[in-house]
Protein backbone atom coordinates (compact mmCIF):
# COMPACT_ATOMS: atom_id res chain seq x y z
CA MET A 1 146.76 313.34 40.20
CA THR A 2 147.08 315.93 37.46
CA ASN A 3 144.30 315.74 34.88
CA VAL A 4 145.40 316.87 31.41
CA ASN A 5 141.77 317.75 30.75
CA GLY A 6 141.42 319.85 33.90
CA PRO A 7 141.72 323.63 34.23
CA LYS A 8 145.08 324.93 32.98
CA VAL A 9 147.05 326.50 35.85
CA VAL A 10 150.49 328.09 35.40
CA VAL A 11 152.66 328.82 38.44
CA ILE A 12 155.73 331.04 38.03
CA GLY A 13 158.64 331.35 40.45
CA GLY A 14 161.62 329.68 42.07
CA GLY A 15 163.47 329.20 45.34
CA THR A 16 161.53 327.63 48.20
CA GLY A 17 158.19 329.35 47.53
CA LEU A 18 157.36 327.70 44.21
CA PRO A 19 157.64 324.07 45.39
CA VAL A 20 155.27 324.83 48.29
CA LEU A 21 152.50 325.85 45.89
CA LEU A 22 153.19 322.97 43.53
CA ARG A 23 153.12 320.30 46.26
CA GLY A 24 149.64 321.43 47.20
CA LEU A 25 148.24 322.03 43.73
CA ARG A 26 149.42 318.76 42.19
CA LYS A 27 146.89 316.89 44.34
CA TYR A 28 143.97 318.60 42.58
CA PRO A 29 142.45 317.65 39.18
CA ILE A 30 144.18 320.39 37.20
CA ASN A 31 146.51 320.69 34.23
CA LEU A 32 149.55 322.10 36.05
CA SER A 33 152.58 323.87 34.54
CA ALA A 34 155.55 325.43 36.34
CA ILE A 35 157.85 328.10 34.88
CA VAL A 36 161.06 328.06 36.90
CA THR A 37 164.02 330.39 37.38
CA VAL A 38 167.50 329.11 36.42
CA PHE A 39 169.76 331.93 37.65
CA ASP A 40 171.05 330.53 40.94
CA ASP A 41 174.86 330.58 40.98
CA GLY A 42 175.69 329.46 44.51
CA GLY A 43 176.60 326.11 46.09
CA SER A 44 176.30 322.88 44.10
CA THR A 45 174.37 324.64 41.35
CA GLY A 46 177.04 327.28 40.89
CA ARG A 47 179.83 324.71 40.67
CA LEU A 48 177.98 322.68 38.04
CA ARG A 49 177.26 325.83 36.04
CA GLU A 50 180.91 326.77 35.98
CA ASP A 51 182.11 323.25 35.16
CA LEU A 52 179.50 322.28 32.56
CA SER A 53 178.03 325.59 31.29
CA ILE A 54 174.44 324.50 31.93
CA PRO A 55 171.47 326.44 33.34
CA ALA A 56 171.11 326.31 37.12
CA PRO A 57 169.61 322.92 38.08
CA GLY A 58 168.87 323.59 41.78
CA ASP A 59 165.40 325.16 41.54
CA ILE A 60 164.40 322.71 38.80
CA ARG A 61 165.41 319.83 41.09
CA LYS A 62 163.19 321.17 43.89
CA VAL A 63 160.25 321.54 41.50
CA ILE A 64 160.67 318.00 40.13
CA ALA A 65 160.64 316.71 43.72
CA SER A 66 157.53 318.74 44.59
CA MET A 67 155.56 317.50 41.57
CA SER A 68 156.69 313.87 41.47
CA ASP A 69 154.69 310.82 42.52
CA VAL A 70 157.27 308.19 43.42
CA GLU A 71 158.34 306.16 46.44
CA PRO A 72 159.53 308.40 49.31
CA THR A 73 162.90 306.63 49.38
CA LEU A 74 163.55 307.46 45.74
CA LEU A 75 162.58 311.08 46.37
CA GLU A 76 164.88 311.23 49.40
CA LEU A 77 167.71 309.87 47.24
CA PHE A 78 167.04 312.47 44.54
CA GLN A 79 167.21 315.27 47.13
CA HIS A 80 170.24 313.83 48.97
CA ARG A 81 173.20 316.17 49.39
CA PHE A 82 176.67 314.69 49.89
CA GLU A 83 178.50 315.95 52.96
CA ASN A 84 181.81 314.19 52.34
CA GLY A 85 183.98 313.20 49.42
CA ASN A 86 186.65 314.95 47.45
CA GLY A 87 184.94 316.92 44.67
CA ILE A 88 181.44 315.63 45.43
CA SER A 89 180.94 317.23 48.85
CA GLY A 90 178.09 319.75 48.79
CA HIS A 91 176.55 318.42 45.60
CA SER A 92 172.93 317.31 45.49
CA LEU A 93 172.40 313.98 43.73
CA GLY A 94 169.43 315.46 41.89
CA ASN A 95 171.60 318.26 40.52
CA LEU A 96 174.12 315.67 39.28
CA ILE A 97 171.33 313.64 37.66
CA LEU A 98 170.03 316.74 35.87
CA ALA A 99 173.55 317.55 34.68
CA GLY A 100 174.04 313.95 33.52
CA MET A 101 170.72 313.84 31.64
CA THR A 102 171.54 317.17 29.99
CA SER A 103 174.79 315.60 28.78
CA ILE A 104 172.99 312.48 27.51
CA THR A 105 170.23 314.35 25.67
CA GLY A 106 172.40 317.33 24.66
CA ASP A 107 169.72 319.72 25.88
CA PHE A 108 168.73 320.97 29.36
CA TYR A 109 164.98 321.02 28.69
CA LYS A 110 165.02 317.55 27.10
CA GLY A 111 166.85 316.34 30.18
CA ILE A 112 164.14 317.80 32.43
CA LYS A 113 161.42 316.07 30.38
CA GLU A 114 163.18 312.70 30.64
CA ILE A 115 163.68 312.98 34.40
CA SER A 116 160.07 314.17 34.78
CA ARG A 117 158.94 310.99 33.03
CA VAL A 118 161.11 308.76 35.22
CA PHE A 119 159.94 310.50 38.42
CA ASN A 120 156.29 310.48 37.36
CA VAL A 121 155.95 314.27 37.54
CA LYS A 122 152.32 315.42 37.64
CA GLY A 123 152.48 318.39 35.29
CA ARG A 124 154.95 320.16 33.05
CA ILE A 125 158.14 321.97 34.03
CA TYR A 126 159.64 324.74 31.91
CA PRO A 127 162.95 326.45 32.71
CA ILE A 128 162.71 330.16 31.92
CA ALA A 129 165.89 329.75 29.84
CA ASN A 130 167.41 326.72 28.14
CA GLU A 131 170.92 328.14 28.22
CA ASN A 132 173.46 329.29 30.79
CA MET A 133 172.34 332.79 31.83
CA TYR A 134 173.24 335.10 34.69
CA LEU A 135 171.37 337.83 36.53
CA LYS A 136 172.48 341.41 37.11
CA ALA A 137 171.03 344.06 39.41
CA GLU A 138 171.24 347.82 39.21
CA PHE A 139 170.89 349.53 42.57
CA GLU A 140 169.42 352.94 43.27
CA ASP A 141 172.93 354.35 43.77
CA GLY A 142 173.79 353.37 40.17
CA THR A 143 176.08 350.43 40.97
CA VAL A 144 175.63 347.10 39.18
CA ILE A 145 176.32 343.58 40.51
CA ARG A 146 176.43 340.30 38.58
CA GLY A 147 175.28 337.01 40.03
CA GLU A 148 172.04 335.98 41.72
CA SER A 149 173.79 334.99 44.95
CA ASN A 150 175.68 338.29 45.16
CA ILE A 151 172.70 340.62 44.78
CA PRO A 152 171.19 340.33 48.30
CA LYS A 153 174.66 340.54 49.88
CA ALA A 154 175.06 344.12 48.66
CA GLY A 155 172.45 345.29 51.17
CA LYS A 156 171.34 348.09 48.85
CA ARG A 157 167.99 349.18 47.46
CA ILE A 158 167.43 347.41 44.13
CA LYS A 159 166.24 349.49 41.17
CA ARG A 160 165.95 346.73 38.56
CA VAL A 161 167.25 343.31 37.57
CA PHE A 162 168.19 342.20 34.05
CA TYR A 163 169.84 339.37 32.13
CA ASP A 164 173.47 338.71 31.24
CA PRO A 165 173.72 338.17 28.30
CA PRO A 166 170.86 340.66 27.77
CA LYS A 167 168.80 338.60 25.31
CA ILE A 168 166.91 335.53 26.42
CA GLU A 169 164.74 333.18 24.37
CA PRO A 170 162.19 331.49 26.62
CA LEU A 171 160.84 328.13 25.58
CA PRO A 172 157.89 328.45 23.16
CA GLU A 173 156.09 325.86 25.29
CA ALA A 174 156.34 328.17 28.33
CA VAL A 175 154.92 331.11 26.37
CA GLN A 176 152.08 328.92 25.06
CA ALA A 177 151.30 327.69 28.58
CA ILE A 178 150.77 331.29 29.71
CA GLN A 179 148.67 332.11 26.65
CA ARG A 180 146.39 329.12 27.22
CA ALA A 181 146.18 329.30 31.01
CA GLU A 182 142.92 329.63 32.92
CA MET A 183 144.76 330.79 36.05
CA ILE A 184 148.25 332.29 36.41
CA VAL A 185 149.89 332.36 39.82
CA VAL A 186 153.08 334.24 40.70
CA ALA A 187 154.58 332.35 43.63
CA PRO A 188 156.08 333.86 46.79
CA GLY A 189 159.85 333.95 47.11
CA SER A 190 162.83 336.26 46.73
CA LEU A 191 161.21 339.02 44.71
CA TYR A 192 164.16 340.24 42.65
CA THR A 193 166.21 337.04 42.33
CA SER A 194 163.60 334.24 42.12
CA ILE A 195 160.37 335.82 40.88
CA ILE A 196 160.99 338.83 38.63
CA PRO A 197 163.67 337.09 36.48
CA ASN A 198 160.91 334.85 35.10
CA LEU A 199 158.80 337.82 33.99
CA ILE A 200 161.15 340.15 32.10
CA ALA A 201 161.76 338.27 28.85
CA PRO A 202 159.86 340.20 26.11
CA GLU A 203 157.92 337.10 24.99
CA ILE A 204 156.87 336.34 28.57
CA LYS A 205 155.84 339.97 29.17
CA GLN A 206 153.64 339.98 26.06
CA ALA A 207 152.08 336.63 26.95
CA LEU A 208 151.25 337.81 30.48
CA LEU A 209 149.70 341.06 29.28
CA LYS A 210 147.61 339.35 26.59
CA ALA A 211 146.58 336.28 28.60
CA LYS A 212 142.88 336.18 29.45
CA ALA A 213 143.48 334.22 32.64
CA LYS A 214 143.18 335.97 35.98
CA LYS A 215 146.60 336.60 37.51
CA TYR A 216 147.32 336.20 41.21
CA TYR A 217 150.36 337.08 43.28
CA ILE A 218 150.90 335.15 46.52
CA CYS A 219 152.58 337.85 48.58
CA ASN A 220 155.52 337.11 50.85
CA ILE A 221 154.68 337.03 54.55
CA MET A 222 157.95 338.60 55.63
CA THR A 223 160.36 341.09 54.08
CA GLN A 224 163.83 339.91 53.03
CA PHE A 225 167.03 341.74 53.87
CA GLY A 226 168.96 342.71 50.77
CA GLU A 227 165.85 342.58 48.56
CA THR A 228 162.65 343.90 50.10
CA GLU A 229 163.41 345.48 53.48
CA GLY A 230 160.73 348.05 54.25
CA TYR A 231 158.46 346.77 51.47
CA THR A 232 154.69 346.69 51.85
CA ALA A 233 152.45 344.53 49.65
CA SER A 234 151.98 347.44 47.21
CA HIS A 235 155.78 347.80 46.88
CA HIS A 236 155.91 344.16 45.76
CA ILE A 237 153.18 344.73 43.18
CA LYS A 238 154.78 347.93 41.91
CA ALA A 239 158.11 346.14 41.40
CA LEU A 240 156.37 343.39 39.44
CA HIS A 241 154.46 345.86 37.28
CA ASP A 242 157.51 348.08 36.70
CA HIS A 243 159.57 345.16 35.41
CA VAL A 244 156.82 343.89 33.12
CA GLY A 245 156.11 347.44 31.94
CA GLU A 246 152.37 347.45 32.60
CA SER A 247 149.90 346.40 35.28
CA PHE A 248 149.11 342.71 35.02
CA ILE A 249 148.38 341.34 38.52
CA ASP A 250 144.62 341.20 39.17
CA GLU A 251 144.61 340.04 42.76
CA VAL A 252 147.13 339.75 45.60
CA VAL A 253 146.73 337.01 48.19
CA VAL A 254 148.04 338.00 51.63
CA HIS A 255 148.24 336.27 54.99
CA GLY A 256 145.42 337.86 56.95
CA GLU A 257 146.10 336.43 60.40
CA SER A 258 147.91 338.28 63.17
CA ILE A 259 151.57 337.39 63.82
CA SER A 260 152.73 336.97 67.41
CA PRO A 261 155.45 339.18 68.92
CA VAL A 262 157.61 336.09 69.50
CA ILE A 263 157.64 335.26 65.79
CA LYS A 264 158.33 338.88 64.89
CA GLU A 265 161.22 338.95 67.34
CA GLY A 266 162.76 335.90 65.71
CA TYR A 267 162.56 337.45 62.25
CA ALA A 268 163.91 340.77 63.51
CA LYS A 269 167.21 339.01 64.17
CA GLU A 270 167.36 338.39 60.39
CA LYS A 271 166.43 342.02 59.71
CA ALA A 272 163.00 340.92 58.49
CA GLU A 273 159.50 342.04 59.46
CA PRO A 274 155.91 341.27 58.42
CA VAL A 275 154.84 342.61 55.02
CA ILE A 276 152.10 345.17 55.64
CA CYS A 277 148.99 344.87 53.49
CA ASP A 278 148.34 348.48 52.44
CA GLU A 279 144.97 348.08 50.75
CA LYS A 280 144.42 351.62 49.51
CA PRO A 281 147.67 351.82 47.46
CA LEU A 282 146.98 348.30 46.17
CA ASN A 283 143.51 349.30 44.99
CA GLU A 284 144.99 352.40 43.35
CA LEU A 285 147.29 350.06 41.41
CA GLY A 286 144.19 348.22 40.18
CA VAL A 287 144.80 345.17 42.37
CA GLN A 288 142.18 343.50 44.54
CA VAL A 289 143.15 342.09 47.93
CA LEU A 290 142.29 338.60 49.14
CA LYS A 291 143.14 337.96 52.79
CA GLY A 292 143.25 334.46 54.20
CA ASP A 293 144.90 332.07 56.60
CA ILE A 294 147.59 330.78 54.23
CA ALA A 295 150.51 330.08 56.59
CA SER A 296 151.55 327.69 59.34
CA LEU A 297 154.10 327.83 62.12
CA HIS A 298 157.08 325.49 61.79
CA GLU A 299 159.01 323.87 64.63
CA ASP A 300 161.93 326.25 64.12
CA GLY A 301 159.68 329.21 64.89
CA THR A 302 159.34 330.40 61.29
CA LEU A 303 156.02 331.23 59.65
CA LYS A 304 155.81 329.69 56.18
CA HIS A 305 153.20 329.46 53.45
CA ASP A 306 151.09 326.33 53.94
CA GLU A 307 150.84 324.19 50.80
CA GLN A 308 147.44 322.73 51.63
CA LYS A 309 145.82 326.03 52.62
CA ILE A 310 147.04 327.90 49.53
CA ALA A 311 146.20 325.07 47.15
CA LYS A 312 142.65 324.84 48.52
CA LEU A 313 142.20 328.61 48.25
CA LEU A 314 143.44 328.72 44.64
CA TYR A 315 141.41 325.70 43.57
CA ASN A 316 138.27 327.24 45.05
CA LEU A 317 138.99 330.39 43.04
CA LEU A 318 139.01 328.28 39.88
């Protein structure tokens, strides 16, 4: 159960990595806040964005589910995705509920707060933007692509990502959460399309650089084709620092256990490989390295961050 009087922890991210951290951390006596990306433009989320001109609800839905304390059946219903039906096929019920509550309240963030109350969310959830925004990427060859779902498909080396429209006004509550935090955690996930988009708003940059809290980055275990192929841990940190404009990560948490050849072979089929922890370049960037057993093997042969292991590690650091 989240304790409003406990240590203030802010977790920043999106995709599948952020909910993993939140599911583990919400069980500890902390004051938990999540800052979530809203740039997804594929699938159900993309269709709702086009039809209703709202921020992307998909990642918010996952975060609500990860932080809620309700009956499992209700949670399963919230996460249910329709497979049949003219016009409704492919939509997640939770996405539709978020869209409906936005319509009722007239505001995306107000809708999130209402659903958080109904689903007994243990913490606070802040979308990085409260309006319909898109993401653009400039590649090293000078070309530019619009749309979060299109960026990895290009298969090119990414130079930078930025907003479309270019100006974003993050929620004041999100900025204040960073300013008041006692620990700030940047979650694992798609580096350029789920993580960095939360960090490049000027107000967020300033808050991160001025915040007294120690800042941790939970490094990805594997590289991702179309975003981070060939990246070591220091490449991840450099990309984060370059987009914020200054060094701000204090410590990087990496999976320190060996990975079997069988697992590597499976990932190689997806053009992915283990992220190498290159300690010397990391130290030269002013970042300390914390190695630990933070992953578990899933039935499908994938190696994923383990919510309980990471949450315990982070809470002990507090």
